[in-house]
């Protein structure tokens, strides 16, 4: 099961900060981040990788993107 961070409608850096909060709360596993801008998609992906998480998938969803990040234990 994955945890979801809904950052749609938020402007940067809020999507990144919300993603970091979830990364702090769970050290491994899967997190799904929902964003609605290209900038947020790029920033969240880059930020997750900087913390050692892999971007497993970026899929268009509704008017935004579903970013799946993973880190094995």
PDB file of N, CA and C in Angstrom:
ATOM      1  N   UNK A   1       0.848  -1.191   0.000  1.00  0.00           N
ATOM      2  CA  UNK A   1       0.000   0.000   0.000  1.00  0.00           C
ATOM      3  C   UNK A   1       0.887   1.246   0.000  1.00  0.00           C
ATOM      4  N   UNK A   2       0.441   2.245  -0.693  1.00  0.00           N
ATOM      5  CA  UNK A   2       1.219   3.482  -0.744  1.00  0.00           C
ATOM      6  C   UNK A   2       0.446   4.608  -0.061  1.00  0.00           C
ATOM      7  N   UNK A   3       1.197   5.564   0.436  1.00  0.00           N
ATOM      8  CA  UNK A   3       0.608   6.776   0.991  1.00  0.00           C
ATOM      9  C   UNK A   3       0.521   7.804  -0.123  1.00  0.00           C
ATOM     10  N   UNK A   4      -0.496   8.641  -0.070  1.00  0.00           N
ATOM     11  CA  UNK A   4      -0.697   9.637  -1.117  1.00  0.00           C
ATOM     12  C   UNK A   4      -0.551  11.042  -0.550  1.00  0.00           C
ATOM     13  N   UNK A   5       0.204  11.866  -1.284  1.00  0.00           N
ATOM     14  CA  UNK A   5       0.350  13.280  -0.968  1.00  0.00           C
ATOM     15  C   UNK A   5      -0.401  14.041  -2.058  1.00  0.00           C
ATOM     16  N   UNK A   6      -1.474  14.706  -1.702  1.00  0.00           N
ATOM     17  CA  UNK A   6      -2.241  15.473  -2.681  1.00  0.00           C
ATOM     18  C   UNK A   6      -1.763  16.925  -2.642  1.00  0.00           C
ATOM     19  N   UNK A   7      -0.926  17.273  -3.629  1.00  0.00           N
ATOM     20  CA  UNK A   7      -0.374  18.627  -3.685  1.00  0.00           C
ATOM     21  C   UNK A   7      -0.970  19.421  -4.849  1.00  0.00           C
ATOM     22  N   UNK A   8      -2.105  18.964  -5.344  1.00  0.00           N
ATOM     23  CA  UNK A   8      -2.758  19.692  -6.446  1.00  0.00           C
ATOM     24  C   UNK A   8      -3.256  21.037  -5.950  1.00  0.00           C
ATOM     25  N   UNK A   9      -3.078  22.045  -6.771  1.00  0.00           N
ATOM     26  CA  UNK A   9      -3.539  23.381  -6.414  1.00  0.00           C
ATOM     27  C   UNK A   9      -2.559  24.175  -5.584  1.00  0.00           C
ATOM     28  N   UNK A  10      -1.447  23.560  -5.223  1.00  0.00           N
ATOM     29  CA  UNK A  10      -0.442  24.255  -4.417  1.00  0.00           C
ATOM     30  C   UNK A  10       0.685  24.758  -5.308  1.00  0.00           C
ATOM     31  N   UNK A  11       1.219  25.920  -4.964  1.00  0.00           N
ATOM     32  CA  UNK A  11       2.346  26.438  -5.740  1.00  0.00           C
ATOM     33  C   UNK A  11       3.653  26.087  -5.043  1.00  0.00           C
ATOM     34  N   UNK A  12       4.696  25.984  -5.824  1.00  0.00           N
ATOM     35  CA  UNK A  12       6.008  25.637  -5.279  1.00  0.00           C
ATOM     36  C   UNK A  12       6.437  26.716  -4.288  1.00  0.00           C
ATOM     37  N   UNK A  13       7.077  26.312  -3.202  1.00  0.00           N
ATOM     38  CA  UNK A  13       7.647  24.979  -2.933  1.00  0.00           C
ATOM     39  C   UNK A  13       6.732  24.049  -2.141  1.00  0.00           C
ATOM     40  N   UNK A  14       5.462  24.362  -2.007  1.00  0.00           N
ATOM     41  CA  UNK A  14       4.587  23.545  -1.154  1.00  0.00           C
ATOM     42  C   UNK A  14       4.521  22.065  -1.550  1.00  0.00           C
ATOM     43  N   UNK A  15       4.408  21.710  -2.838  1.00  0.00           N
ATOM     44  CA  UNK A  15       4.390  20.276  -3.175  1.00  0.00           C
ATOM     45  C   UNK A  15       5.665  19.559  -2.726  1.00  0.00           C
ATOM     46  N   UNK A  16       6.807  20.215  -2.867  1.00  0.00           N
ATOM     47  CA  UNK A  16       8.073  19.619  -2.429  1.00  0.00           C
ATOM     48  C   UNK A  16       8.085  19.474  -0.914  1.00  0.00           C
ATOM     49  N   UNK A  17       7.635  20.478  -0.195  1.00  0.00           N
ATOM     50  CA  UNK A  17       7.634  20.423   1.265  1.00  0.00           C
ATOM     51  C   UNK A  17       6.705  19.317   1.778  1.00  0.00           C
ATOM     52  N   UNK A  18       5.539  19.183   1.159  1.00  0.00           N
ATOM     53  CA  UNK A  18       4.611  18.118   1.558  1.00  0.00           C
ATOM     54  C   UNK A  18       5.209  16.747   1.267  1.00  0.00           C
ATOM     55  N   UNK A  19       5.923  16.630   0.151  1.00  0.00           N
ATOM     56  CA  UNK A  19       6.582  15.362  -0.182  1.00  0.00           C
ATOM     57  C   UNK A  19       7.671  15.057   0.842  1.00  0.00           C
ATOM     58  N   UNK A  20       8.467  16.057   1.197  1.00  0.00           N
ATOM     59  CA  UNK A  20       9.509  15.868   2.212  1.00  0.00           C
ATOM     60  C   UNK A  20       8.907  15.451   3.548  1.00  0.00           C
ATOM     61  N   UNK A  21       7.771  16.035   3.924  1.00  0.00           N
ATOM     62  CA  UNK A  21       7.110  15.665   5.175  1.00  0.00           C
ATOM     63  C   UNK A  21       6.751  14.175   5.172  1.00  0.00           C
ATOM     64  N   UNK A  22       6.241  13.687   4.039  1.00  0.00           N
ATOM     65  CA  UNK A  22       5.864  12.272   3.952  1.00  0.00           C
ATOM     66  C   UNK A  22       7.101  11.380   3.936  1.00  0.00           C
ATOM     67  N   UNK A  23       8.165  11.822   3.254  1.00  0.00           N
ATOM     68  CA  UNK A  23       9.420  11.057   3.243  1.00  0.00           C
ATOM     69  C   UNK A  23       9.968  10.932   4.671  1.00  0.00           C
ATOM     70  N   UNK A  24       9.853  12.003   5.453  1.00  0.00           N
ATOM     71  CA  UNK A  24      10.310  11.956   6.855  1.00  0.00           C
ATOM     72  C   UNK A  24       9.459  10.980   7.665  1.00  0.00           C
ATOM     73  N   UNK A  25       8.182  10.916   7.350  1.00  0.00           N
ATOM     74  CA  UNK A  25       7.262  10.063   8.096  1.00  0.00           C
ATOM     75  C   UNK A  25       7.440   8.585   7.760  1.00  0.00           C
ATOM     76  N   UNK A  26       7.947   8.293   6.586  1.00  0.00           N
ATOM     77  CA  UNK A  26       8.149   6.896   6.194  1.00  0.00           C
ATOM     78  C   UNK A  26       9.498   6.775   5.500  1.00  0.00           C
ATOM     79  N   UNK A  27      10.341   5.942   6.052  1.00  0.00           N
ATOM     80  CA  UNK A  27      11.716   5.873   5.542  1.00  0.00           C
ATOM     81  C   UNK A  27      11.856   5.016   4.296  1.00  0.00           C
ATOM     82  N   UNK A  28      10.906   4.107   4.064  1.00  0.00           N
ATOM     83  CA  UNK A  28      10.951   3.263   2.871  1.00  0.00           C
ATOM     84  C   UNK A  28       9.532   3.023   2.372  1.00  0.00           C
ATOM     85  N   UNK A  29       9.425   2.371   1.227  1.00  0.00           N
ATOM     86  CA  UNK A  29       8.117   2.010   0.683  1.00  0.00           C
ATOM     87  C   UNK A  29       7.784   2.812  -0.554  1.00  0.00           C
ATOM     88  N   UNK A  30       6.514   3.140  -0.673  1.00  0.00           N
ATOM     89  CA  UNK A  30       6.029   3.830  -1.869  1.00  0.00           C
ATOM     90  C   UNK A  30       5.180   5.021  -1.462  1.00  0.00           C
ATOM     91  N   UNK A  31       5.365   6.115  -2.168  1.00  0.00           N
ATOM     92  CA  UNK A  31       4.562   7.321  -1.961  1.00  0.00           C
ATOM     93  C   UNK A  31       4.051   7.767  -3.319  1.00  0.00           C
ATOM     94  N   UNK A  32       2.781   8.108  -3.396  1.00  0.00           N
ATOM     95  CA  UNK A  32       2.193   8.678  -4.606  1.00  0.00           C
ATOM     96  C   UNK A  32       1.980  10.159  -4.351  1.00  0.00           C
ATOM     97  N   UNK A  33       2.502  10.998  -5.245  1.00  0.00           N
ATOM     98  CA  UNK A  33       2.347  12.446  -5.116  1.00  0.00           C
ATOM     99  C   UNK A  33       1.512  12.941  -6.291  1.00  0.00           C
ATOM    100  N   UNK A  34       0.427  13.634  -5.997  1.00  0.00           N
ATOM    101  CA  UNK A  34      -0.440  14.201  -7.034  1.00  0.00           C
ATOM    102  C   UNK A  34      -0.138  15.686  -7.173  1.00  0.00           C
ATOM    103  N   UNK A  35       0.205  16.103  -8.392  1.00  0.00           N
ATOM    104  CA  UNK A  35       0.490  17.514  -8.667  1.00  0.00           C
ATOM    105  C   UNK A  35      -0.248  17.928  -9.928  1.00  0.00           C
ATOM    106  N   UNK A  36      -0.358  19.235 -10.146  1.00  0.00           N
ATOM    107  CA  UNK A  36      -1.115  19.689 -11.314  1.00  0.00           C
ATOM    108  C   UNK A  36      -0.355  20.657 -12.218  1.00  0.00           C
ATOM    109  N   UNK A  37       0.966  20.752 -12.046  1.00  0.00           N
ATOM    110  CA  UNK A  37       1.749  21.587 -12.958  1.00  0.00           C
ATOM    111  C   UNK A  37       3.031  20.863 -13.357  1.00  0.00           C
ATOM    112  N   UNK A  38       3.567  21.229 -14.516  1.00  0.00           N
ATOM    113  CA  UNK A  38       4.831  20.656 -14.969  1.00  0.00           C
ATOM    114  C   UNK A  38       5.961  21.013 -14.004  1.00  0.00           C
ATOM    115  N   UNK A  39       5.954  22.237 -13.502  1.00  0.00           N
ATOM    116  CA  UNK A  39       7.001  22.676 -12.581  1.00  0.00           C
ATOM    117  C   UNK A  39       6.984  21.837 -11.314  1.00  0.00           C
ATOM    118  N   UNK A  40       5.811  21.622 -10.745  1.00  0.00           N
ATOM    119  CA  UNK A  40       5.704  20.809  -9.531  1.00  0.00           C
ATOM    120  C   UNK A  40       6.156  19.378  -9.815  1.00  0.00           C
ATOM    121  N   UNK A  41       5.794  18.839 -10.978  1.00  0.00           N
ATOM    122  CA  UNK A  41       6.209  17.478 -11.342  1.00  0.00           C
ATOM    123  C   UNK A  41       7.732  17.375 -11.362  1.00  0.00           C
ATOM    124  N   UNK A  42       8.378  18.336 -12.013  1.00  0.00           N
ATOM    125  CA  UNK A  42       9.839  18.318 -12.107  1.00  0.00           C
ATOM    126  C   UNK A  42      10.485  18.509 -10.736  1.00  0.00           C
ATOM    127  N   UNK A  43       9.986  19.466  -9.955  1.00  0.00           N
ATOM    128  CA  UNK A  43      10.576  19.763  -8.648  1.00  0.00           C
ATOM    129  C   UNK A  43      10.408  18.609  -7.665  1.00  0.00           C
ATOM    130  N   UNK A  44       9.229  17.994  -7.638  1.00  0.00           N
ATOM    131  CA  UNK A  44       8.991  16.872  -6.727  1.00  0.00           C
ATOM    132  C   UNK A  44       9.865  15.687  -7.120  1.00  0.00           C
ATOM    133  N   UNK A  45       9.972  15.414  -8.415  1.00  0.00           N
ATOM    134  CA  UNK A  45      10.808  14.294  -8.876  1.00  0.00           C
ATOM    135  C   UNK A  45      12.265  14.514  -8.483  1.00  0.00           C
ATOM    136  N   UNK A  46      12.759  15.703  -8.721  1.00  0.00           N
ATOM    137  CA  UNK A  46      14.153  16.034  -8.397  1.00  0.00           C
ATOM    138  C   UNK A  46      14.386  15.973  -6.878  1.00  0.00           C
ATOM    139  N   UNK A  47      13.440  16.498  -6.121  1.00  0.00           N
ATOM    140  CA  UNK A  47      13.563  16.517  -4.664  1.00  0.00           C
ATOM    141  C   UNK A  47      13.567  15.100  -4.093  1.00  0.00           C
ATOM    142  N   UNK A  48      12.697  14.240  -4.609  1.00  0.00           N
ATOM    143  CA  UNK A  48      12.636  12.860  -4.125  1.00  0.00           C
ATOM    144  C   UNK A  48      13.954  12.145  -4.399  1.00  0.00           C
ATOM    145  N   UNK A  49      14.496  12.333  -5.594  1.00  0.00           N
ATOM    146  CA  UNK A  49      15.765  11.698  -5.944  1.00  0.00           C
ATOM    147  C   UNK A  49      16.896  12.219  -5.060  1.00  0.00           C
ATOM    148  N   UNK A  50      16.834  13.488  -4.675  1.00  0.00           N
ATOM    149  CA  UNK A  50      17.880  14.058  -3.817  1.00  0.00           C
ATOM    150  C   UNK A  50      17.863  13.427  -2.426  1.00  0.00           C
ATOM    151  N   UNK A  51      16.727  12.847  -2.047  1.00  0.00           N
ATOM    152  CA  UNK A  51      16.596  12.185  -0.744  1.00  0.00           C
ATOM    153  C   UNK A  51      16.799  10.670  -0.858  1.00  0.00           C
ATOM    154  N   UNK A  52      17.201  10.204  -2.043  1.00  0.00           N
ATOM    155  CA  UNK A  52      17.477   8.782  -2.215  1.00  0.00           C
ATOM    156  C   UNK A  52      16.290   7.942  -2.643  1.00  0.00           C
ATOM    157  N   UNK A  53      15.197   8.577  -3.033  1.00  0.00           N
ATOM    158  CA  UNK A  53      14.017   7.861  -3.510  1.00  0.00           C
ATOM    159  C   UNK A  53      14.064   7.786  -5.029  1.00  0.00           C
ATOM    160  N   UNK A  54      13.587   6.690  -5.601  1.00  0.00           N
ATOM    161  CA  UNK A  54      13.554   6.519  -7.053  1.00  0.00           C
ATOM    162  C   UNK A  54      12.179   6.915  -7.574  1.00  0.00           C
ATOM    163  N   UNK A  55      12.165   7.615  -8.699  1.00  0.00           N
ATOM    164  CA  UNK A  55      10.900   7.938  -9.356  1.00  0.00           C
ATOM    165  C   UNK A  55      10.519   6.722 -10.200  1.00  0.00           C
ATOM    166  N   UNK A  56       9.521   5.979  -9.728  1.00  0.00           N
ATOM    167  CA  UNK A  56       9.124   4.738 -10.380  1.00  0.00           C
ATOM    168  C   UNK A  56       8.209   4.996 -11.576  1.00  0.00           C
ATOM    169  N   UNK A  57       7.396   6.047 -11.510  1.00  0.00           N
ATOM    170  CA  UNK A  57       6.455   6.337 -12.599  1.00  0.00           C
ATOM    171  C   UNK A  57       5.966   7.772 -12.502  1.00  0.00           C
ATOM    172  N   UNK A  58       5.733   8.359 -13.663  1.00  0.00           N
ATOM    173  CA  UNK A  58       5.068   9.665 -13.753  1.00  0.00           C
ATOM    174  C   UNK A  58       3.978   9.489 -14.807  1.00  0.00           C
ATOM    175  N   UNK A  59       2.733   9.541 -14.350  1.00  0.00           N
ATOM    176  CA  UNK A  59       1.613   9.290 -15.245  1.00  0.00           C
ATOM    177  C   UNK A  59       0.675  10.488 -15.272  1.00  0.00           C
ATOM    178  N   UNK A  60       0.217  10.864 -16.475  1.00  0.00           N
ATOM    179  CA  UNK A  60      -0.789  11.929 -16.550  1.00  0.00           C
ATOM    180  C   UNK A  60      -2.072  11.457 -15.854  1.00  0.00           C
ATOM    181  N   UNK A  61      -2.672  12.343 -15.094  1.00  0.00           N
ATOM    182  CA  UNK A  61      -3.925  11.998 -14.416  1.00  0.00           C
ATOM    183  C   UNK A  61      -4.781  13.252 -14.291  1.00  0.00           C
ATOM    184  N   UNK A  62      -6.001  13.169 -14.782  1.00  0.00           N
ATOM    185  CA  UNK A  62      -6.903  14.316 -14.794  1.00  0.00           C
ATOM    186  C   UNK A  62      -6.187  15.514 -15.427  1.00  0.00           C
ATOM    187  N   UNK A  63      -6.037  16.602 -14.674  1.00  0.00           N
ATOM    188  CA  UNK A  63      -5.352  17.781 -15.202  1.00  0.00           C
ATOM    189  C   UNK A  63      -3.952  17.915 -14.634  1.00  0.00           C
ATOM    190  N   UNK A  64      -3.356  16.801 -14.239  1.00  0.00           N
ATOM    191  CA  UNK A  64      -2.031  16.858 -13.635  1.00  0.00           C
ATOM    192  C   UNK A  64      -1.284  15.569 -13.800  1.00  0.00           C
ATOM    193  N   UNK A  65      -0.540  15.219 -12.756  1.00  0.00           N
ATOM    194  CA  UNK A  65       0.320  14.049 -12.809  1.00  0.00           C
ATOM    195  C   UNK A  65       0.255  13.265 -11.514  1.00  0.00           C
ATOM    196  N   UNK A  66       0.438  11.952 -11.651  1.00  0.00           N
ATOM    197  CA  UNK A  66       0.582  11.042 -10.512  1.00  0.00           C
ATOM    198  C   UNK A  66       2.035  10.576 -10.535  1.00  0.00           C
ATOM    199  N   UNK A  67       2.798  10.976  -9.524  1.00  0.00           N
ATOM    200  CA  UNK A  67       4.204  10.620  -9.419  1.00  0.00           C
ATOM    201  C   UNK A  67       4.324   9.532  -8.359  1.00  0.00           C
ATOM    202  N   UNK A  68       4.881   8.405  -8.744  1.00  0.00           N
ATOM    203  CA  UNK A  68       5.106   7.318  -7.792  1.00  0.00           C
ATOM    204  C   UNK A  68       6.588   7.243  -7.474  1.00  0.00           C
ATOM    205  N   UNK A  69       6.913   7.392  -6.195  1.00  0.00           N
ATOM    206  CA  UNK A  69       8.314   7.294  -5.783  1.00  0.00           C
ATOM    207  C   UNK A  69       8.450   6.107  -4.835  1.00  0.00           C
ATOM    208  N   UNK A  70       9.626   5.472  -4.890  1.00  0.00           N
ATOM    209  CA  UNK A  70       9.856   4.284  -4.073  1.00  0.00           C
ATOM    210  C   UNK A  70      11.244   4.285  -3.469  1.00  0.00           C
ATOM    211  N   UNK A  71      11.336   3.667  -2.294  1.00  0.00           N
ATOM    212  CA  UNK A  71      12.629   3.425  -1.676  1.00  0.00           C
ATOM    213  C   UNK A  71      12.557   2.086  -0.964  1.00  0.00           C
ATOM    214  N   UNK A  72      13.467   1.195  -1.318  1.00  0.00           N
ATOM    215  CA  UNK A  72      13.504  -0.125  -0.694  1.00  0.00           C
ATOM    216  C   UNK A  72      14.199  -0.046   0.661  1.00  0.00           C
ATOM    217  N   UNK A  73      13.807  -0.955   1.544  1.00  0.00           N
ATOM    218  CA  UNK A  73      14.333  -0.934   2.895  1.00  0.00           C
ATOM    219  C   UNK A  73      15.645  -1.614   3.083  1.00  0.00           C
TER     220      UNK A  73
END
